[in-house]
Amino acid sequence: MIVGLGTGSTVLFTITKLGKLVQQGLSIKGIPTSKQTEKLATEVGIPLVSFKEIDQIDVAIDGADEEKIN
């Protein structure tokens, strides 16, 4: 499964959990949306791919961060 890995504080927890699941045998590959996400995914052991290597993303995970503009 190809998982789009978004950026933000909420996604940090998800990527950390996915890394633990990968260590337990979960078979996924991630495609990060930022250098920050790429660094974290690599640190927790999620194998990464580039857009050149895939035809589609099966699921994308991103935060629900919202910026309030006055």
C-alpha atoms as a PDB file:
ATOM      1  CA  MET A   1       0.000   0.000   0.000  1.00  0.00           C
ATOM      2  CA  ILE A   2       1.239   3.493  -0.848  1.00  0.00           C
ATOM      3  CA  VAL A   3       0.475   6.031   1.891  1.00  0.00           C
ATOM      4  CA  GLY A   4       0.694   9.781   1.357  1.00  0.00           C
ATOM      5  CA  LEU A   5       2.294  11.267   4.470  1.00  0.00           C
ATOM      6  CA  GLY A   6       1.258  14.846   5.124  1.00  0.00           C
ATOM      7  CA  THR A   7       2.871  17.494   7.283  1.00  0.00           C
ATOM      8  CA  GLY A   8       1.899  19.010  10.600  1.00  0.00           C
ATOM      9  CA  SER A   9       1.599  18.382  14.299  1.00  0.00           C
ATOM     10  CA  THR A  10      -1.287  15.903  13.994  1.00  0.00           C
ATOM     11  CA  VAL A  11       0.460  13.799  11.373  1.00  0.00           C
ATOM     12  CA  LEU A  12       3.568  13.525  13.565  1.00  0.00           C
ATOM     13  CA  PHE A  13       1.752  11.087  15.865  1.00  0.00           C
ATOM     14  CA  THR A  14       0.392   9.070  12.949  1.00  0.00           C
ATOM     15  CA  ILE A  15       3.800   8.701  11.306  1.00  0.00           C
ATOM     16  CA  THR A  16       5.314   7.615  14.616  1.00  0.00           C
ATOM     17  CA  LYS A  17       2.611   4.952  15.041  1.00  0.00           C
ATOM     18  CA  LEU A  18       2.975   3.792  11.438  1.00  0.00           C
ATOM     19  CA  GLY A  19       6.709   3.374  12.032  1.00  0.00           C
ATOM     20  CA  LYS A  20       5.982   1.063  14.974  1.00  0.00           C
ATOM     21  CA  LEU A  21       3.538  -0.927  12.856  1.00  0.00           C
ATOM     22  CA  VAL A  22       6.096  -1.241  10.049  1.00  0.00           C
ATOM     23  CA  GLN A  23       8.569  -2.642  12.590  1.00  0.00           C
ATOM     24  CA  GLN A  24       5.886  -5.209  13.481  1.00  0.00           C
ATOM     25  CA  GLY A  25       5.416  -6.253   9.854  1.00  0.00           C
ATOM     26  CA  LEU A  26       3.011  -3.751   8.270  1.00  0.00           C
ATOM     27  CA  SER A  27       3.799  -3.587   4.556  1.00  0.00           C
ATOM     28  CA  ILE A  28       3.496   0.022   3.377  1.00  0.00           C
ATOM     29  CA  LYS A  29       5.551   2.569   1.489  1.00  0.00           C
ATOM     30  CA  GLY A  30       5.209   6.260   2.201  1.00  0.00           C
ATOM     31  CA  ILE A  31       5.388   9.284  -0.022  1.00  0.00           C
ATOM     32  CA  PRO A  32       6.144  12.405   2.035  1.00  0.00           C
ATOM     33  CA  THR A  33       4.814  15.902   1.330  1.00  0.00           C
ATOM     34  CA  SER A  34       7.767  17.712   2.882  1.00  0.00           C
ATOM     35  CA  LYS A  35      11.412  17.330   3.887  1.00  0.00           C
ATOM     36  CA  GLN A  36      10.297  17.389   7.530  1.00  0.00           C
ATOM     37  CA  THR A  37       7.948  14.463   6.934  1.00  0.00           C
ATOM     38  CA  GLU A  38      10.591  12.627   4.908  1.00  0.00           C
ATOM     39  CA  LYS A  39      13.082  12.967   7.786  1.00  0.00           C
ATOM     40  CA  LEU A  40      10.617  11.690  10.404  1.00  0.00           C
ATOM     41  CA  ALA A  41       9.412   8.781   8.257  1.00  0.00           C
ATOM     42  CA  THR A  42      13.005   7.721   7.637  1.00  0.00           C
ATOM     43  CA  GLU A  43      13.809   7.955  11.366  1.00  0.00           C
ATOM     44  CA  VAL A  44      10.892   5.669  12.312  1.00  0.00           C
ATOM     45  CA  GLY A  45      11.628   3.158   9.544  1.00  0.00           C
ATOM     46  CA  ILE A  46       8.896   3.786   6.984  1.00  0.00           C
ATOM     47  CA  PRO A  47      10.201   2.900   3.502  1.00  0.00           C
ATOM     48  CA  LEU A  48       9.716   5.821   1.102  1.00  0.00           C
ATOM     49  CA  VAL A  49       9.059   6.118  -2.623  1.00  0.00           C
ATOM     50  CA  SER A  50       8.994   9.055  -5.023  1.00  0.00           C
ATOM     51  CA  PHE A  51       6.245  10.117  -7.387  1.00  0.00           C
ATOM     52  CA  LYS A  52       8.332   8.761 -10.274  1.00  0.00           C
ATOM     53  CA  GLU A  53       8.110   5.256  -8.784  1.00  0.00           C
ATOM     54  CA  ILE A  54       4.331   4.985  -8.359  1.00  0.00           C
ATOM     55  CA  ASP A  55       1.119   5.227 -10.357  1.00  0.00           C
ATOM     56  CA  GLN A  56      -1.221   6.077  -7.503  1.00  0.00           C
ATOM     57  CA  ILE A  57      -1.499   6.780  -3.787  1.00  0.00           C
ATOM     58  CA  ASP A  58      -3.837   4.397  -1.971  1.00  0.00           C
ATOM     59  CA  VAL A  59      -4.537   6.640   1.011  1.00  0.00           C
ATOM     60  CA  ALA A  60      -3.290  10.050   2.146  1.00  0.00           C
ATOM     61  CA  ILE A  61      -2.976  11.193   5.746  1.00  0.00           C
ATOM     62  CA  ASP A  62      -2.794  14.875   6.585  1.00  0.00           C
ATOM     63  CA  GLY A  63      -3.549  17.018   9.604  1.00  0.00           C
ATOM     64  CA  ALA A  64      -6.604  19.085  10.270  1.00  0.00           C
ATOM     65  CA  ASP A  65      -4.603  22.156  11.235  1.00  0.00           C
ATOM     66  CA  GLU A  66      -6.424  25.386  10.613  1.00  0.00           C
ATOM     67  CA  GLU A  67      -5.127  28.923  10.523  1.00  0.00           C
ATOM     68  CA  LYS A  68      -7.469  31.605  11.795  1.00  0.00           C
ATOM     69  CA  ILE A  69      -7.315  34.864   9.857  1.00  0.00           C
ATOM     70  CA  ASN A  70      -8.697  37.993  11.528  1.00  0.00           C
END
